[in-house]
Amino acid sequence: MRQADIARQLGTSRQSIFRTLKQTTQLLADHEKRRALYFRRDNYGTMSEHSNLIDAVTVLKSDGYKPTEIAATLDTSVASVLLVLQWIKDHPLHK
């Protein structure tokens, strides 16, 4: 299918689709840059499931996600997210 046909079916223009794709790509790049700034907690130099969860919750919380949204995004329980948020609060990176 040609791009023009796809745009016509969606009721928009090829330029609009291209702009949206470009904006989405830029949002992803910005998110990756912000995520790279966070210190990664790990145990003895190895990444564990727990440290990955802590990192993911930290990034999503800073992006404005609510605990229920974080749990849905990470496919985990809300209780787990709340425990991680409490742990982050009790163990700040910088004092």
C-alpha atoms as a PDB file:
ATOM      1  CA  MET A   1       0.000   0.000   0.000  1.00  0.00           C
ATOM      2  CA  ARG A   2       1.292   3.454  -0.829  1.00  0.00           C
ATOM      3  CA  GLN A   3       1.772   6.148   1.797  1.00  0.00           C
ATOM      4  CA  ALA A   4      -0.865   8.311   0.135  1.00  0.00           C
ATOM      5  CA  ASP A   5      -3.419   5.476   0.340  1.00  0.00           C
ATOM      6  CA  ILE A   6      -2.671   4.908   4.021  1.00  0.00           C
ATOM      7  CA  ALA A   7      -2.997   8.636   4.743  1.00  0.00           C
ATOM      8  CA  ARG A   8      -6.297   8.787   2.862  1.00  0.00           C
ATOM      9  CA  GLN A   9      -7.693   5.864   4.878  1.00  0.00           C
ATOM     10  CA  LEU A  10      -6.651   7.573   8.108  1.00  0.00           C
ATOM     11  CA  GLY A  11      -8.167  10.858   6.976  1.00  0.00           C
ATOM     12  CA  THR A  12      -4.918  12.783   7.207  1.00  0.00           C
ATOM     13  CA  SER A  13      -1.956  13.769   5.075  1.00  0.00           C
ATOM     14  CA  ARG A  14       1.395  12.083   4.506  1.00  0.00           C
ATOM     15  CA  GLN A  15       3.084  15.154   5.977  1.00  0.00           C
ATOM     16  CA  SER A  16       1.006  14.874   9.158  1.00  0.00           C
ATOM     17  CA  ILE A  17       1.942  11.209   9.554  1.00  0.00           C
ATOM     18  CA  PHE A  18       5.616  12.053   8.968  1.00  0.00           C
ATOM     19  CA  ARG A  19       5.495  14.887  11.548  1.00  0.00           C
ATOM     20  CA  THR A  20       3.862  12.621  14.135  1.00  0.00           C
ATOM     21  CA  LEU A  21       6.439   9.900  13.523  1.00  0.00           C
ATOM     22  CA  LYS A  22       9.256  12.438  13.832  1.00  0.00           C
ATOM     23  CA  GLN A  23       7.807  13.809  17.105  1.00  0.00           C
ATOM     24  CA  THR A  24       7.408  10.294  18.520  1.00  0.00           C
ATOM     25  CA  THR A  25      10.991   9.438  17.603  1.00  0.00           C
ATOM     26  CA  GLN A  26      12.188  12.639  19.295  1.00  0.00           C
ATOM     27  CA  LEU A  27      10.156  11.881  22.447  1.00  0.00           C
ATOM     28  CA  LEU A  28      11.746   8.435  22.626  1.00  0.00           C
ATOM     29  CA  ALA A  29      15.232   9.893  22.181  1.00  0.00           C
ATOM     30  CA  ASP A  30      14.576  12.484  24.913  1.00  0.00           C
ATOM     31  CA  HIS A  31      13.280   9.773  27.255  1.00  0.00           C
ATOM     32  CA  GLU A  32      16.385   7.647  26.655  1.00  0.00           C
ATOM     33  CA  LYS A  33      18.635  10.649  27.385  1.00  0.00           C
ATOM     34  CA  ARG A  34      16.823  11.359  30.669  1.00  0.00           C
ATOM     35  CA  ARG A  35      16.945   7.706  31.683  1.00  0.00           C
ATOM     36  CA  ALA A  36      20.698   7.575  31.087  1.00  0.00           C
ATOM     37  CA  LEU A  37      21.201  10.336  33.678  1.00  0.00           C
ATOM     38  CA  TYR A  38      19.911   8.203  36.548  1.00  0.00           C
ATOM     39  CA  PHE A  39      22.363   6.350  38.711  1.00  0.00           C
ATOM     40  CA  ARG A  40      21.831   2.619  38.419  1.00  0.00           C
ATOM     41  CA  ARG A  41      21.619   0.840  41.738  1.00  0.00           C
ATOM     42  CA  ASP A  42      23.151  -2.613  41.633  1.00  0.00           C
ATOM     43  CA  ASN A  43      24.614  -5.229  43.906  1.00  0.00           C
ATOM     44  CA  TYR A  44      28.321  -5.866  43.487  1.00  0.00           C
ATOM     45  CA  GLY A  45      28.322  -4.666  39.898  1.00  0.00           C
ATOM     46  CA  THR A  46      25.562  -6.953  38.638  1.00  0.00           C
ATOM     47  CA  MET A  47      22.174  -5.769  37.509  1.00  0.00           C
ATOM     48  CA  SER A  48      19.360  -7.610  39.242  1.00  0.00           C
ATOM     49  CA  GLU A  49      15.619  -7.666  38.714  1.00  0.00           C
ATOM     50  CA  HIS A  50      15.243  -5.516  41.814  1.00  0.00           C
ATOM     51  CA  SER A  51      17.622  -2.817  40.633  1.00  0.00           C
ATOM     52  CA  ASN A  52      15.953  -2.822  37.205  1.00  0.00           C
ATOM     53  CA  LEU A  53      12.582  -2.342  38.903  1.00  0.00           C
ATOM     54  CA  ILE A  54      13.962   0.478  41.059  1.00  0.00           C
ATOM     55  CA  ASP A  55      15.402   2.213  37.989  1.00  0.00           C
ATOM     56  CA  ALA A  56      12.196   1.817  35.986  1.00  0.00           C
ATOM     57  CA  VAL A  57       9.986   3.086  38.823  1.00  0.00           C
ATOM     58  CA  THR A  58      12.323   6.055  39.401  1.00  0.00           C
ATOM     59  CA  VAL A  59      12.196   7.105  35.758  1.00  0.00           C
ATOM     60  CA  LEU A  60       8.437   6.649  35.368  1.00  0.00           C
ATOM     61  CA  LYS A  61       7.741   8.493  38.645  1.00  0.00           C
ATOM     62  CA  SER A  62       9.895  11.420  37.481  1.00  0.00           C
ATOM     63  CA  ASP A  63       7.929  11.429  34.212  1.00  0.00           C
ATOM     64  CA  GLY A  64       4.740  11.985  36.231  1.00  0.00           C
ATOM     65  CA  TYR A  65       3.260   8.487  36.209  1.00  0.00           C
ATOM     66  CA  LYS A  66       0.990   7.464  39.092  1.00  0.00           C
ATOM     67  CA  PRO A  67       1.684   4.194  40.981  1.00  0.00           C
ATOM     68  CA  THR A  68      -1.201   2.395  39.237  1.00  0.00           C
ATOM     69  CA  GLU A  69       0.077   3.516  35.823  1.00  0.00           C
ATOM     70  CA  ILE A  70       3.610   2.425  36.730  1.00  0.00           C
ATOM     71  CA  ALA A  71       2.327  -0.998  37.801  1.00  0.00           C
ATOM     72  CA  ALA A  72       0.404  -1.414  34.541  1.00  0.00           C
ATOM     73  CA  THR A  73       3.372  -0.269  32.450  1.00  0.00           C
ATOM     74  CA  LEU A  74       5.815  -2.600  34.207  1.00  0.00           C
ATOM     75  CA  ASP A  75       3.314  -5.478  34.506  1.00  0.00           C
ATOM     76  CA  THR A  76       3.750  -5.732  38.263  1.00  0.00           C
ATOM     77  CA  SER A  77       1.534  -5.214  41.299  1.00  0.00           C
ATOM     78  CA  VAL A  78       0.674  -1.818  42.723  1.00  0.00           C
ATOM     79  CA  ALA A  79       1.892  -3.055  46.119  1.00  0.00           C
ATOM     80  CA  SER A  80       5.338  -3.757  44.638  1.00  0.00           C
ATOM     81  CA  VAL A  81       5.468  -0.284  43.113  1.00  0.00           C
ATOM     82  CA  LEU A  82       4.456   1.319  46.409  1.00  0.00           C
ATOM     83  CA  LEU A  83       7.160  -0.659  48.245  1.00  0.00           C
ATOM     84  CA  VAL A  84       9.769   0.469  45.718  1.00  0.00           C
ATOM     85  CA  LEU A  85       8.625   4.094  46.010  1.00  0.00           C
ATOM     86  CA  GLN A  86       8.901   3.850  49.811  1.00  0.00           C
ATOM     87  CA  TRP A  87      12.371   2.295  49.503  1.00  0.00           C
ATOM     88  CA  ILE A  88      13.477   5.105  47.163  1.00  0.00           C
ATOM     89  CA  LYS A  89      12.147   7.662  49.649  1.00  0.00           C
ATOM     90  CA  ASP A  90      13.985   5.961  52.546  1.00  0.00           C
ATOM     91  CA  HIS A  91      17.238   5.561  50.570  1.00  0.00           C
ATOM     92  CA  PRO A  92      17.824   8.740  48.555  1.00  0.00           C
ATOM     93  CA  LEU A  93      20.738   8.751  46.151  1.00  0.00           C
ATOM     94  CA  HIS A  94      22.080  12.052  47.465  1.00  0.00           C
ATOM     95  CA  LYS A  95      21.818  13.187  51.058  1.00  0.00           C
END
